[in-house]
Amino acid sequence: RLPKRGFKSANLKFNDEVTLADLEALGAAEVDLLALKQAGLITAIAKNVKVVKTSALTKAVKLTGIGATAAAKVAIEAAGGSLA
């Protein structure tokens, strides 16, 4: 008998995450996948990006084509930003 092995999705390499602190340091008013790739915050092959809340956000940021956790969404909207 062979030991059981776990499952690891091949699509995981296309996912990436960004923190609110990274968005704060980026300083851009509008952020999309291309802007994050050019800034070096995500890998070049990333297709799905999610924002994770790790700190507070003071600047208004408009996110296009980027997902966010529930807590990060509240923090972005409280700072005057939006998700599209």
PDB file of N, CA and C in Angstrom:
ATOM      1  N   ARG A   1       0.845  -1.192   0.000  1.00  0.00           N
ATOM      2  CA  ARG A   1       0.000   0.000   0.000  1.00  0.00           C
ATOM      3  C   ARG A   1       0.879   1.241   0.000  1.00  0.00           C
ATOM      4  N   LEU A   2       0.367   2.256  -0.642  1.00  0.00           N
ATOM      5  CA  LEU A   2       1.080   3.518  -0.701  1.00  0.00           C
ATOM      6  C   LEU A   2       0.499   4.502   0.308  1.00  0.00           C
ATOM      7  N   PRO A   3       1.310   5.348   0.869  1.00  0.00           N
ATOM      8  CA  PRO A   3       0.768   6.353   1.796  1.00  0.00           C
ATOM      9  C   PRO A   3      -0.089   7.378   1.063  1.00  0.00           C
ATOM     10  N   LYS A   4      -1.076   7.887   1.767  1.00  0.00           N
ATOM     11  CA  LYS A   4      -1.947   8.910   1.174  1.00  0.00           C
ATOM     12  C   LYS A   4      -1.182  10.214   1.062  1.00  0.00           C
ATOM     13  N   ARG A   5      -1.417  10.903  -0.013  1.00  0.00           N
ATOM     14  CA  ARG A   5      -0.756  12.182  -0.255  1.00  0.00           C
ATOM     15  C   ARG A   5      -1.821  13.261  -0.355  1.00  0.00           C
ATOM     16  N   GLY A   6      -1.435  14.483  -0.007  1.00  0.00           N
ATOM     17  CA  GLY A   6      -2.372  15.597  -0.081  1.00  0.00           C
ATOM     18  C   GLY A   6      -2.552  16.081  -1.506  1.00  0.00           C
ATOM     19  N   PHE A   7      -3.473  16.989  -1.668  1.00  0.00           N
ATOM     20  CA  PHE A   7      -3.753  17.566  -2.985  1.00  0.00           C
ATOM     21  C   PHE A   7      -3.288  19.011  -2.984  1.00  0.00           C
ATOM     22  N   LYS A   8      -2.558  19.396  -4.003  1.00  0.00           N
ATOM     23  CA  LYS A   8      -2.128  20.785  -4.167  1.00  0.00           C
ATOM     24  C   LYS A   8      -2.524  21.227  -5.562  1.00  0.00           C
ATOM     25  N   SER A   9      -3.365  22.235  -5.620  1.00  0.00           N
ATOM     26  CA  SER A   9      -3.880  22.710  -6.889  1.00  0.00           C
ATOM     27  C   SER A   9      -2.768  23.306  -7.748  1.00  0.00           C
ATOM     28  N   ALA A  10      -2.819  23.032  -9.034  1.00  0.00           N
ATOM     29  CA  ALA A  10      -1.845  23.594  -9.972  1.00  0.00           C
ATOM     30  C   ALA A  10      -2.116  25.070 -10.224  1.00  0.00           C
ATOM     31  N   ASN A  11      -3.313  25.531  -9.870  1.00  0.00           N
ATOM     32  CA  ASN A  11      -3.670  26.930 -10.103  1.00  0.00           C
ATOM     33  C   ASN A  11      -3.195  27.860  -8.996  1.00  0.00           C
ATOM     34  N   LEU A  12      -2.640  27.334  -7.912  1.00  0.00           N
ATOM     35  CA  LEU A  12      -2.186  28.169  -6.805  1.00  0.00           C
ATOM     36  C   LEU A  12      -1.093  29.145  -7.219  1.00  0.00           C
ATOM     37  N   LYS A  13      -0.298  28.785  -8.221  1.00  0.00           N
ATOM     38  CA  LYS A  13       0.787  29.670  -8.639  1.00  0.00           C
ATOM     39  C   LYS A  13       0.274  30.942  -9.295  1.00  0.00           C
ATOM     40  N   PHE A  14      -1.002  30.967  -9.701  1.00  0.00           N
ATOM     41  CA  PHE A  14      -1.575  32.149 -10.330  1.00  0.00           C
ATOM     42  C   PHE A  14      -2.253  33.079  -9.327  1.00  0.00           C
ATOM     43  N   ASN A  15      -2.284  32.691  -8.048  1.00  0.00           N
ATOM     44  CA  ASN A  15      -2.902  33.505  -7.008  1.00  0.00           C
ATOM     45  C   ASN A  15      -1.822  34.249  -6.237  1.00  0.00           C
ATOM     46  N   ASP A  16      -2.160  35.463  -5.797  1.00  0.00           N
ATOM     47  CA  ASP A  16      -1.227  36.241  -4.994  1.00  0.00           C
ATOM     48  C   ASP A  16      -2.031  37.127  -4.068  1.00  0.00           C
ATOM     49  N   GLU A  17      -1.389  37.665  -3.044  1.00  0.00           N
ATOM     50  CA  GLU A  17      -2.091  38.570  -2.134  1.00  0.00           C
ATOM     51  C   GLU A  17      -1.225  39.775  -1.810  1.00  0.00           C
ATOM     52  N   VAL A  18      -1.917  40.871  -1.525  1.00  0.00           N
ATOM     53  CA  VAL A  18      -1.280  42.155  -1.227  1.00  0.00           C
ATOM     54  C   VAL A  18      -1.874  42.653   0.079  1.00  0.00           C
ATOM     55  N   THR A  19      -1.065  43.282   0.910  1.00  0.00           N
ATOM     56  CA  THR A  19      -1.564  43.816   2.169  1.00  0.00           C
ATOM     57  C   THR A  19      -1.958  45.275   2.011  1.00  0.00           C
ATOM     58  N   LEU A  20      -2.729  45.766   2.962  1.00  0.00           N
ATOM     59  CA  LEU A  20      -3.091  47.183   2.954  1.00  0.00           C
ATOM     60  C   LEU A  20      -1.855  48.061   3.130  1.00  0.00           C
ATOM     61  N   ALA A  21      -0.873  47.585   3.865  1.00  0.00           N
ATOM     62  CA  ALA A  21       0.377  48.331   4.034  1.00  0.00           C
ATOM     63  C   ALA A  21       1.098  48.495   2.699  1.00  0.00           C
ATOM     64  N   ASP A  22       1.042  47.468   1.845  1.00  0.00           N
ATOM     65  CA  ASP A  22       1.644  47.561   0.516  1.00  0.00           C
ATOM     66  C   ASP A  22       0.937  48.611  -0.334  1.00  0.00           C
ATOM     67  N   LEU A  23      -0.401  48.647  -0.258  1.00  0.00           N
ATOM     68  CA  LEU A  23      -1.167  49.652  -1.010  1.00  0.00           C
ATOM     69  C   LEU A  23      -0.859  51.054  -0.507  1.00  0.00           C
ATOM     70  N   GLU A  24      -0.689  51.188   0.791  1.00  0.00           N
ATOM     71  CA  GLU A  24      -0.355  52.479   1.397  1.00  0.00           C
ATOM     72  C   GLU A  24       1.003  52.955   0.893  1.00  0.00           C
ATOM     73  N   ALA A  25       1.974  52.049   0.847  1.00  0.00           N
ATOM     74  CA  ALA A  25       3.320  52.400   0.396  1.00  0.00           C
ATOM     75  C   ALA A  25       3.361  52.675  -1.100  1.00  0.00           C
ATOM     76  N   LEU A  26       2.472  52.031  -1.866  1.00  0.00           N
ATOM     77  CA  LEU A  26       2.432  52.235  -3.316  1.00  0.00           C
ATOM     78  C   LEU A  26       2.044  53.669  -3.644  1.00  0.00           C
ATOM     79  N   GLY A  27       1.057  54.211  -2.937  1.00  0.00           N
ATOM     80  CA  GLY A  27       0.680  55.603  -3.081  1.00  0.00           C
ATOM     81  C   GLY A  27      -0.098  55.959  -4.331  1.00  0.00           C
ATOM     82  N   ALA A  28      -0.575  54.983  -5.085  1.00  0.00           N
ATOM     83  CA  ALA A  28      -1.344  55.254  -6.299  1.00  0.00           C
ATOM     84  C   ALA A  28      -2.826  55.400  -5.963  1.00  0.00           C
ATOM     85  N   ALA A  29      -3.512  56.275  -6.701  1.00  0.00           N
ATOM     86  CA  ALA A  29      -4.938  56.474  -6.470  1.00  0.00           C
ATOM     87  C   ALA A  29      -5.752  55.337  -7.069  1.00  0.00           C
ATOM     88  N   GLU A  30      -5.311  54.824  -8.220  1.00  0.00           N
ATOM     89  CA  GLU A  30      -5.998  53.714  -8.867  1.00  0.00           C
ATOM     90  C   GLU A  30      -5.023  52.555  -9.007  1.00  0.00           C
ATOM     91  N   VAL A  31      -5.457  51.374  -8.592  1.00  0.00           N
ATOM     92  CA  VAL A  31      -4.581  50.205  -8.600  1.00  0.00           C
ATOM     93  C   VAL A  31      -5.266  49.083  -9.369  1.00  0.00           C
ATOM     94  N   ASP A  32      -4.506  48.451 -10.273  1.00  0.00           N
ATOM     95  CA  ASP A  32      -4.970  47.272 -10.982  1.00  0.00           C
ATOM     96  C   ASP A  32      -3.831  46.252 -11.031  1.00  0.00           C
ATOM     97  N   LEU A  33      -4.049  45.140 -11.708  1.00  0.00           N
ATOM     98  CA  LEU A  33      -3.035  44.090 -11.760  1.00  0.00           C
ATOM     99  C   LEU A  33      -1.721  44.583 -12.359  1.00  0.00           C
ATOM    100  N   LEU A  34      -1.800  45.364 -13.423  1.00  0.00           N
ATOM    101  CA  LEU A  34      -0.596  45.847 -14.096  1.00  0.00           C
ATOM    102  C   LEU A  34       0.232  46.742 -13.185  1.00  0.00           C
ATOM    103  N   ALA A  35      -0.437  47.618 -12.432  1.00  0.00           N
ATOM    104  CA  ALA A  35       0.283  48.512 -11.516  1.00  0.00           C
ATOM    105  C   ALA A  35       0.993  47.721 -10.414  1.00  0.00           C
ATOM    106  N   LEU A  36       0.348  46.680  -9.918  1.00  0.00           N
ATOM    107  CA  LEU A  36       0.967  45.852  -8.877  1.00  0.00           C
ATOM    108  C   LEU A  36       2.148  45.057  -9.419  1.00  0.00           C
ATOM    109  N   LYS A  37       2.035  44.587 -10.671  1.00  0.00           N
ATOM    110  CA  LYS A  37       3.135  43.846 -11.279  1.00  0.00           C
ATOM    111  C   LYS A  37       4.330  44.759 -11.532  1.00  0.00           C
ATOM    112  N   GLN A  38       4.062  45.982 -11.998  1.00  0.00           N
ATOM    113  CA  GLN A  38       5.150  46.928 -12.269  1.00  0.00           C
ATOM    114  C   GLN A  38       5.844  47.360 -10.986  1.00  0.00           C
ATOM    115  N   ALA A  39       5.095  47.432  -9.891  1.00  0.00           N
ATOM    116  CA  ALA A  39       5.683  47.816  -8.604  1.00  0.00           C
ATOM    117  C   ALA A  39       6.430  46.655  -7.954  1.00  0.00           C
ATOM    118  N   GLY A  40       6.245  45.440  -8.474  1.00  0.00           N
ATOM    119  CA  GLY A  40       6.926  44.283  -7.929  1.00  0.00           C
ATOM    120  C   GLY A  40       6.264  43.708  -6.689  1.00  0.00           C
ATOM    121  N   LEU A  41       5.008  44.056  -6.454  1.00  0.00           N
ATOM    122  CA  LEU A  41       4.308  43.552  -5.276  1.00  0.00           C
ATOM    123  C   LEU A  41       3.739  42.153  -5.485  1.00  0.00           C
ATOM    124  N   ILE A  42       3.513  41.772  -6.749  1.00  0.00           N
ATOM    125  CA  ILE A  42       3.010  40.438  -7.057  1.00  0.00           C
ATOM    126  C   ILE A  42       3.885  39.833  -8.145  1.00  0.00           C
ATOM    127  N   THR A  43       3.763  38.530  -8.342  1.00  0.00           N
ATOM    128  CA  THR A  43       4.551  37.863  -9.365  1.00  0.00           C
ATOM    129  C   THR A  43       4.027  38.198 -10.757  1.00  0.00           C
ATOM    130  N   ALA A  44       4.850  37.993 -11.744  1.00  0.00           N
ATOM    131  CA  ALA A  44       4.483  38.339 -13.115  1.00  0.00           C
ATOM    132  C   ALA A  44       3.391  37.438 -13.671  1.00  0.00           C
ATOM    133  N   ILE A  45       3.261  36.210 -13.150  1.00  0.00           N
ATOM    134  CA  ILE A  45       2.258  35.284 -13.677  1.00  0.00           C
ATOM    135  C   ILE A  45       0.949  35.322 -12.900  1.00  0.00           C
ATOM    136  N   ALA A  46       0.842  36.200 -11.917  1.00  0.00           N
ATOM    137  CA  ALA A  46      -0.367  36.257 -11.088  1.00  0.00           C
ATOM    138  C   ALA A  46      -1.560  36.730 -11.910  1.00  0.00           C
ATOM    139  N   LYS A  47      -2.689  36.045 -11.727  1.00  0.00           N
ATOM    140  CA  LYS A  47      -3.927  36.410 -12.412  1.00  0.00           C
ATOM    141  C   LYS A  47      -5.007  36.832 -11.423  1.00  0.00           C
ATOM    142  N   ASN A  48      -4.973  36.271 -10.223  1.00  0.00           N
ATOM    143  CA  ASN A  48      -5.949  36.585  -9.184  1.00  0.00           C
ATOM    144  C   ASN A  48      -5.217  37.183  -7.998  1.00  0.00           C
ATOM    145  N   VAL A  49      -5.651  38.368  -7.592  1.00  0.00           N
ATOM    146  CA  VAL A  49      -5.014  39.038  -6.461  1.00  0.00           C
ATOM    147  C   VAL A  49      -6.084  39.390  -5.449  1.00  0.00           C
ATOM    148  N   LYS A  50      -5.747  39.216  -4.172  1.00  0.00           N
ATOM    149  CA  LYS A  50      -6.667  39.554  -3.099  1.00  0.00           C
ATOM    150  C   LYS A  50      -5.950  40.450  -2.104  1.00  0.00           C
ATOM    151  N   VAL A  51      -6.639  41.482  -1.644  1.00  0.00           N
ATOM    152  CA  VAL A  51      -6.091  42.390  -0.643  1.00  0.00           C
ATOM    153  C   VAL A  51      -6.439  41.848   0.731  1.00  0.00           C
ATOM    154  N   VAL A  52      -5.443  41.824   1.621  1.00  0.00           N
ATOM    155  CA  VAL A  52      -5.603  41.305   2.975  1.00  0.00           C
ATOM    156  C   VAL A  52      -5.369  42.444   3.953  1.00  0.00           C
ATOM    157  N   LYS A  53      -6.207  42.534   4.986  1.00  0.00           N
ATOM    158  CA  LYS A  53      -6.055  43.595   5.974  1.00  0.00           C
ATOM    159  C   LYS A  53      -4.999  43.213   6.997  1.00  0.00           C
ATOM    160  N   THR A  54      -3.953  44.039   7.073  1.00  0.00           N
ATOM    161  CA  THR A  54      -2.930  43.830   8.083  1.00  0.00           C
ATOM    162  C   THR A  54      -2.712  45.091   8.897  1.00  0.00           C
ATOM    163  N   SER A  55      -3.116  46.228   8.352  1.00  0.00           N
ATOM    164  CA  SER A  55      -2.956  47.502   9.044  1.00  0.00           C
ATOM    165  C   SER A  55      -4.037  48.450   8.556  1.00  0.00           C
ATOM    166  N   ALA A  56      -3.980  49.674   9.032  1.00  0.00           N
ATOM    167  CA  ALA A  56      -4.974  50.669   8.630  1.00  0.00           C
ATOM    168  C   ALA A  56      -4.577  51.300   7.298  1.00  0.00           C
ATOM    169  N   LEU A  57      -5.558  51.845   6.603  1.00  0.00           N
ATOM    170  CA  LEU A  57      -5.331  52.516   5.329  1.00  0.00           C
ATOM    171  C   LEU A  57      -5.807  53.952   5.471  1.00  0.00           C
ATOM    172  N   THR A  58      -4.962  54.916   5.093  1.00  0.00           N
ATOM    173  CA  THR A  58      -5.333  56.322   5.245  1.00  0.00           C
ATOM    174  C   THR A  58      -5.639  56.986   3.919  1.00  0.00           C
ATOM    175  N   LYS A  59      -5.132  56.443   2.812  1.00  0.00           N
ATOM    176  CA  LYS A  59      -5.341  57.036   1.491  1.00  0.00           C
ATOM    177  C   LYS A  59      -6.505  56.350   0.785  1.00  0.00           C
ATOM    178  N   ALA A  60      -7.232  57.122  -0.011  1.00  0.00           N
ATOM    179  CA  ALA A  60      -8.322  56.552  -0.795  1.00  0.00           C
ATOM    180  C   ALA A  60      -7.723  55.847  -2.010  1.00  0.00           C
ATOM    181  N   VAL A  61      -8.092  54.595  -2.197  1.00  0.00           N
ATOM    182  CA  VAL A  61      -7.559  53.785  -3.284  1.00  0.00           C
ATOM    183  C   VAL A  61      -8.722  53.151  -4.031  1.00  0.00           C
ATOM    184  N   LYS A  62      -8.688  53.238  -5.365  1.00  0.00           N
ATOM    185  CA  LYS A  62      -9.701  52.585  -6.184  1.00  0.00           C
ATOM    186  C   LYS A  62      -9.081  51.322  -6.777  1.00  0.00           C
ATOM    187  N   LEU A  63      -9.657  50.173  -6.449  1.00  0.00           N
ATOM    188  CA  LEU A  63      -9.147  48.891  -6.926  1.00  0.00           C
ATOM    189  C   LEU A  63      -9.985  48.401  -8.098  1.00  0.00           C
ATOM    190  N   THR A  64      -9.321  48.012  -9.178  1.00  0.00           N
ATOM    191  CA  THR A  64     -10.027  47.464 -10.335  1.00  0.00           C
ATOM    192  C   THR A  64      -9.510  46.066 -10.637  1.00  0.00           C
ATOM    193  N   GLY A  65     -10.401  45.102 -10.667  1.00  0.00           N
ATOM    194  CA  GLY A  65     -10.032  43.734 -10.982  1.00  0.00           C
ATOM    195  C   GLY A  65      -9.284  43.027  -9.868  1.00  0.00           C
ATOM    196  N   ILE A  66      -9.411  43.528  -8.657  1.00  0.00           N
ATOM    197  CA  ILE A  66      -8.711  42.952  -7.519  1.00  0.00           C
ATOM    198  C   ILE A  66      -9.736  42.663  -6.426  1.00  0.00           C
ATOM    199  N   GLY A  67      -9.650  41.497  -5.837  1.00  0.00           N
ATOM    200  CA  GLY A  67     -10.555  41.127  -4.759  1.00  0.00           C
ATOM    201  C   GLY A  67     -10.018  41.580  -3.411  1.00  0.00           C
ATOM    202  N   ALA A  68     -10.855  41.471  -2.401  1.00  0.00           N
ATOM    203  CA  ALA A  68     -10.440  41.861  -1.055  1.00  0.00           C
ATOM    204  C   ALA A  68     -11.210  41.035  -0.035  1.00  0.00           C
ATOM    205  N   THR A  69     -10.583  40.821   1.107  1.00  0.00           N
ATOM    206  CA  THR A  69     -11.277  40.147   2.190  1.00  0.00           C
ATOM    207  C   THR A  69     -12.327  41.099   2.751  1.00  0.00           C
ATOM    208  N   ALA A  70     -13.227  40.585   3.555  1.00  0.00           N
ATOM    209  CA  ALA A  70     -14.300  41.408   4.102  1.00  0.00           C
ATOM    210  C   ALA A  70     -13.744  42.542   4.958  1.00  0.00           C
ATOM    211  N   ALA A  71     -12.750  42.252   5.797  1.00  0.00           N
ATOM    212  CA  ALA A  71     -12.165  43.287   6.658  1.00  0.00           C
ATOM    213  C   ALA A  71     -11.407  44.323   5.831  1.00  0.00           C
ATOM    214  N   ALA A  72     -10.725  43.889   4.777  1.00  0.00           N
ATOM    215  CA  ALA A  72      -9.991  44.815   3.921  1.00  0.00           C
ATOM    216  C   ALA A  72     -10.954  45.717   3.157  1.00  0.00           C
ATOM    217  N   LYS A  73     -12.088  45.160   2.738  1.00  0.00           N
ATOM    218  CA  LYS A  73     -13.090  45.947   2.014  1.00  0.00           C
ATOM    219  C   LYS A  73     -13.642  47.054   2.903  1.00  0.00           C
ATOM    220  N   VAL A  74     -13.914  46.738   4.147  1.00  0.00           N
ATOM    221  CA  VAL A  74     -14.412  47.740   5.095  1.00  0.00           C
ATOM    222  C   VAL A  74     -13.372  48.837   5.300  1.00  0.00           C
ATOM    223  N   ALA A  75     -12.102  48.457   5.434  1.00  0.00           N
ATOM    224  CA  ALA A  75     -11.026  49.426   5.654  1.00  0.00           C
ATOM    225  C   ALA A  75     -10.827  50.323   4.437  1.00  0.00           C
ATOM    226  N   ILE A  76     -10.930  49.755   3.234  1.00  0.00           N
ATOM    227  CA  ILE A  76     -10.763  50.539   2.003  1.00  0.00           C
ATOM    228  C   ILE A  76     -11.897  51.535   1.852  1.00  0.00           C
ATOM    229  N   GLU A  77     -13.131  51.092   2.094  1.00  0.00           N
ATOM    230  CA  GLU A  77     -14.292  51.985   1.963  1.00  0.00           C
ATOM    231  C   GLU A  77     -14.299  53.051   3.061  1.00  0.00           C
ATOM    232  N   ALA A  78     -13.761  52.726   4.251  1.00  0.00           N
ATOM    233  CA  ALA A  78     -13.697  53.703   5.325  1.00  0.00           C
ATOM    234  C   ALA A  78     -12.683  54.804   5.002  1.00  0.00           C
ATOM    235  N   ALA A  79     -11.668  54.488   4.208  1.00  0.00           N
ATOM    236  CA  ALA A  79     -10.667  55.467   3.815  1.00  0.00           C
ATOM    237  C   ALA A  79     -11.120  56.294   2.612  1.00  0.00           C
ATOM    238  N   GLY A  80     -12.282  55.971   2.062  1.00  0.00           N
ATOM    239  CA  GLY A  80     -12.803  56.723   0.916  1.00  0.00           C
ATOM    240  C   GLY A  80     -12.532  56.054  -0.417  1.00  0.00           C
ATOM    241  N   GLY A  81     -12.023  54.842  -0.398  1.00  0.00           N
ATOM    242  CA  GLY A  81     -11.728  54.125  -1.645  1.00  0.00           C
ATOM    243  C   GLY A  81     -12.894  53.283  -2.086  1.00  0.00           C
ATOM    244  N   SER A  82     -12.687  52.539  -3.176  1.00  0.00           N
ATOM    245  CA  SER A  82     -13.754  51.701  -3.701  1.00  0.00           C
ATOM    246  C   SER A  82     -13.176  50.474  -4.378  1.00  0.00           C
ATOM    247  N   LEU A  83     -14.029  49.468  -4.544  1.00  0.00           N
ATOM    248  CA  LEU A  83     -13.675  48.239  -5.252  1.00  0.00           C
ATOM    249  C   LEU A  83     -14.527  48.150  -6.499  1.00  0.00           C
ATOM    250  N   ALA A  84     -13.895  47.837  -7.628  1.00  0.00           N
ATOM    251  CA  ALA A  84     -14.662  47.699  -8.863  1.00  0.00           C
ATOM    252  C   ALA A  84     -14.422  46.356  -9.499  1.00  0.00           C
TER     253      ALA A  84
END
